[in-house]
């Protein structure tokens, strides 16, 4: 299979897998009694980041760590500049005080931390542990502060991620679990295809 086809197949796999994972995980979490705001901050946010995680792990495993770094940098720049910019062009985006006081400074601090760690030309395992622990700490903080979110925001999450009423209540949780596990499998396969296609395209004559 050519590098172009691998890239296309891998990208399609990542998109489909992320959708399955987020929807299946969200519905399953709601059925377990987890509040929608927590689902949005955990299952949805982590699920939509799974493609980057899978690509990073697979790229490192195949000996292409530069691809992992480029993927993360490119994704963050696109999210902050392109996606946020287009959204603001369509409609002004209100930013509440928590975003200004905590989330945006956290983004800046994370970028500065990675920059400081990378100044010697590489990230070692100790620095990887520090970054991982920081990500877990940030997740715990937003879960804690989510209890203070407004009723309007909770209603928005409930509308967006509410599970549909099943016709067969006994089989629906199994279906959601299959979506969740299937999404993970598709993401892993998509990442493998995408990394393989990118590595092949980078070779002379690829």
Protein backbone atom coordinates (compact mmCIF):
# COMPACT_ATOMS: atom_id res chain seq x y z
CA UNK A 1 0.00 0.00 0.00
CA UNK A 2 1.35 3.43 -0.95
CA UNK A 3 2.22 6.02 1.66
CA UNK A 4 -0.72 8.22 0.56
CA UNK A 5 -3.22 5.40 1.05
CA UNK A 6 -1.69 4.56 4.42
CA UNK A 7 -2.00 8.19 5.51
CA UNK A 8 -5.62 8.39 4.35
CA UNK A 9 -6.57 5.07 5.94
CA UNK A 10 -4.81 5.98 9.17
CA UNK A 11 -6.49 9.39 9.37
CA UNK A 12 -9.91 7.83 8.74
CA UNK A 13 -9.24 5.24 11.43
CA UNK A 14 -8.31 7.92 13.97
CA UNK A 15 -11.45 9.95 13.27
CA UNK A 16 -13.80 6.95 13.38
CA UNK A 17 -12.11 5.48 16.43
CA UNK A 18 -12.24 8.74 18.37
CA UNK A 19 -15.95 9.13 17.62
CA UNK A 20 -16.71 5.57 18.76
CA UNK A 21 -14.63 5.96 21.91
CA UNK A 22 -16.14 9.31 22.94
CA UNK A 23 -19.75 8.31 22.28
CA UNK A 24 -19.47 4.85 23.78
CA UNK A 25 -17.53 6.07 26.79
CA UNK A 26 -19.88 9.01 27.39
CA UNK A 27 -23.03 6.90 27.21
CA UNK A 28 -21.55 4.21 29.43
CA UNK A 29 -20.41 6.76 32.00
CA UNK A 30 -23.86 8.34 32.14
CA UNK A 31 -25.44 4.93 32.72
CA UNK A 32 -23.03 4.45 35.62
CA UNK A 33 -24.29 7.68 37.18
CA UNK A 34 -21.29 9.91 36.38
CA UNK A 35 -22.30 13.53 35.90
CA UNK A 36 -22.09 14.99 32.37
CA UNK A 37 -19.66 17.75 33.39
CA UNK A 38 -17.18 15.16 34.68
CA UNK A 39 -17.65 13.08 31.54
CA UNK A 40 -16.79 16.10 29.41
CA UNK A 41 -13.66 16.79 31.43
CA UNK A 42 -12.46 13.18 31.41
CA UNK A 43 -13.92 10.71 28.90
CA UNK A 44 -14.52 13.26 26.16
CA UNK A 45 -11.32 15.27 26.58
CA UNK A 46 -9.11 12.18 26.92
CA UNK A 47 -10.98 10.38 24.16
CA UNK A 48 -10.46 13.18 21.67
CA UNK A 49 -6.74 13.17 22.57
CA UNK A 50 -6.39 9.42 22.04
CA UNK A 51 -5.31 9.79 18.38
CA UNK A 52 -2.36 11.97 19.43
CA UNK A 53 -1.51 9.55 22.25
CA UNK A 54 -1.66 6.54 19.94
CA UNK A 55 0.44 8.27 17.27
CA UNK A 56 3.03 9.35 19.85
CA UNK A 57 3.39 5.88 21.36
CA UNK A 58 3.48 4.17 17.96
CA UNK A 59 5.98 6.69 16.55
CA UNK A 60 8.30 6.20 19.53
CA UNK A 61 7.95 2.42 19.22
CA UNK A 62 8.86 2.53 15.52
CA UNK A 63 11.85 4.78 16.14
CA UNK A 64 10.32 8.01 14.84
CA UNK A 65 10.10 10.22 17.94
CA UNK A 66 10.30 13.35 15.83
CA UNK A 67 6.93 12.45 14.34
CA UNK A 68 5.42 12.30 17.84
CA UNK A 69 6.80 15.74 18.72
CA UNK A 70 5.71 17.25 15.42
CA UNK A 71 2.22 15.79 15.83
CA UNK A 72 1.77 17.30 19.29
CA UNK A 73 3.14 20.72 18.34
CA UNK A 74 1.09 20.83 15.15
CA UNK A 75 -2.10 19.73 16.91
CA UNK A 76 -1.74 22.34 19.65
CA UNK A 77 -1.02 25.14 17.17
CA UNK A 78 -3.98 24.15 15.01
CA UNK A 79 -6.30 23.94 18.03
CA UNK A 80 -5.21 27.29 19.44
CA UNK A 81 -4.82 29.30 16.25
CA UNK A 82 -6.87 27.76 13.45
CA UNK A 83 -9.82 26.14 15.24
CA UNK A 84 -10.18 28.80 17.92
CA UNK A 85 -9.69 31.53 15.33
CA UNK A 86 -12.33 30.18 12.95
CA UNK A 87 -14.75 29.69 15.85
CA UNK A 88 -14.25 33.30 16.93
CA UNK A 89 -14.80 34.47 13.34
CA UNK A 90 -18.14 32.68 13.24
CA UNK A 91 -19.27 33.90 16.65
CA UNK A 92 -17.54 35.76 19.52
CA UNK A 93 -16.41 33.32 22.22
CA UNK A 94 -17.11 34.32 25.84
CA UNK A 95 -14.32 33.40 28.27
CA UNK A 96 -15.30 33.00 31.90
CA UNK A 97 -13.06 33.94 34.80
CA UNK A 98 -11.86 30.38 35.42
CA UNK A 99 -10.47 30.09 31.90
CA UNK A 100 -8.62 33.39 32.31
CA UNK A 101 -7.38 32.63 35.83
CA UNK A 102 -6.54 28.94 35.50
CA UNK A 103 -6.85 27.20 32.13
CA UNK A 104 -4.97 29.66 29.92
CA UNK A 105 -2.14 30.11 32.47
CA UNK A 106 -1.96 26.29 32.70
CA UNK A 107 -1.51 26.06 28.92
CA UNK A 108 1.26 28.67 29.05
CA UNK A 109 2.95 26.97 32.02
CA UNK A 110 2.88 23.58 30.28
CA UNK A 111 4.48 25.07 27.17
CA UNK A 112 7.20 26.79 29.22
CA UNK A 113 7.86 23.56 31.16
CA UNK A 114 8.32 21.54 27.97
CA UNK A 115 10.53 24.28 26.49
CA UNK A 116 12.80 24.26 29.56
CA UNK A 117 13.03 20.46 29.55
CA UNK A 118 13.77 20.32 25.82
CA UNK A 119 16.58 22.88 25.83
CA UNK A 120 19.19 20.10 26.13
CA UNK A 121 17.86 18.50 22.94
CA UNK A 122 15.82 15.60 24.32
CA UNK A 123 13.25 14.52 26.90
CA UNK A 124 14.36 11.71 29.23
CA UNK A 125 12.26 9.30 31.28
CA UNK A 126 12.38 11.43 34.44
CA UNK A 127 11.05 14.42 32.53
CA UNK A 128 8.40 12.17 31.01
CA UNK A 129 7.28 11.17 34.51
CA UNK A 130 7.11 14.84 35.53
CA UNK A 131 4.94 15.68 32.52
CA UNK A 132 2.67 12.69 33.16
CA UNK A 133 2.24 13.57 36.84
CA UNK A 134 1.48 17.18 35.88
CA UNK A 135 -1.23 16.03 33.48
CA UNK A 136 -2.82 13.85 36.16
CA UNK A 137 -2.65 16.76 38.62
CA UNK A 138 -4.33 19.10 36.14
CA UNK A 139 -7.12 16.56 35.55
CA UNK A 140 -7.72 16.22 39.29
CA UNK A 141 -7.88 20.00 39.68
CA UNK A 142 -10.45 20.48 36.92
CA UNK A 143 -12.52 17.64 38.34
CA UNK A 144 -12.47 19.35 41.71
CA UNK A 145 -13.38 22.76 40.30
CA UNK A 146 -16.10 21.26 38.07
CA UNK A 147 -18.34 21.10 41.13
CA UNK A 148 -18.48 24.90 41.02
CA UNK A 149 -19.54 25.14 37.39
CA UNK A 150 -22.74 26.99 36.60
CA UNK A 151 -26.08 25.26 36.07
CA UNK A 152 -26.06 26.52 32.47
CA UNK A 153 -22.78 24.78 31.69
CA UNK A 154 -23.99 21.56 33.31
CA UNK A 155 -27.13 21.73 31.18
CA UNK A 156 -25.04 22.17 28.03
CA UNK A 157 -22.99 19.08 28.84
CA UNK A 158 -26.15 17.12 29.65
CA UNK A 159 -27.67 18.05 26.29
CA UNK A 160 -24.50 17.28 24.33
CA UNK A 161 -23.54 13.98 25.95
CA UNK A 162 -26.82 12.58 27.25
CA UNK A 163 -27.26 8.92 26.38
CA UNK A 164 -30.31 8.11 24.24
CA UNK A 165 -33.07 6.09 25.79
CA UNK A 166 -32.49 2.49 24.67
CA UNK A 167 -35.21 0.26 23.30
CA UNK A 168 -33.46 -2.70 24.89
CA UNK A 169 -32.14 -1.54 28.26
CA UNK A 170 -30.34 -4.82 28.92
CA UNK A 171 -28.25 -4.74 25.75
CA UNK A 172 -27.49 -1.03 25.51
CA UNK A 173 -24.62 -0.97 28.08
CA UNK A 174 -22.99 -3.88 26.23
CA UNK A 175 -23.30 -1.95 22.97
CA UNK A 176 -21.74 1.14 24.57
CA UNK A 177 -18.88 -0.98 25.91
CA UNK A 178 -18.35 -2.45 22.43
CA UNK A 179 -18.22 1.09 21.01
CA UNK A 180 -15.66 2.06 23.65
CA UNK A 181 -13.40 -0.95 23.10
CA UNK A 182 -13.88 -0.85 19.33
CA UNK A 183 -12.92 2.82 19.28
CA UNK A 184 -9.67 2.07 21.11
CA UNK A 185 -8.83 -0.74 18.67
CA UNK A 186 -9.61 1.40 15.61
CA UNK A 187 -7.52 4.28 16.98
CA UNK A 188 -4.53 2.00 17.59
CA UNK A 189 -4.80 0.52 14.09
CA UNK A 190 -5.26 3.96 12.55
CA UNK A 191 -2.21 5.30 14.39
CA UNK A 192 -0.11 2.38 13.16
CA UNK A 193 -1.18 2.99 9.56
CA UNK A 194 -0.64 6.74 9.82
CA UNK A 195 2.83 6.43 11.34
CA UNK A 196 3.78 3.80 8.79
CA UNK A 197 2.57 6.00 5.95
CA UNK A 198 4.38 9.06 7.30
CA UNK A 199 7.61 7.11 7.77
CA UNK A 200 7.35 5.70 4.25
CA UNK A 201 6.64 9.13 2.76
CA UNK A 202 9.72 10.53 4.49
CA UNK A 203 12.01 8.01 2.81
CA UNK A 204 13.66 8.84 -0.55
CA UNK A 205 11.21 7.93 -3.27
CA UNK A 206 8.40 7.46 -0.73
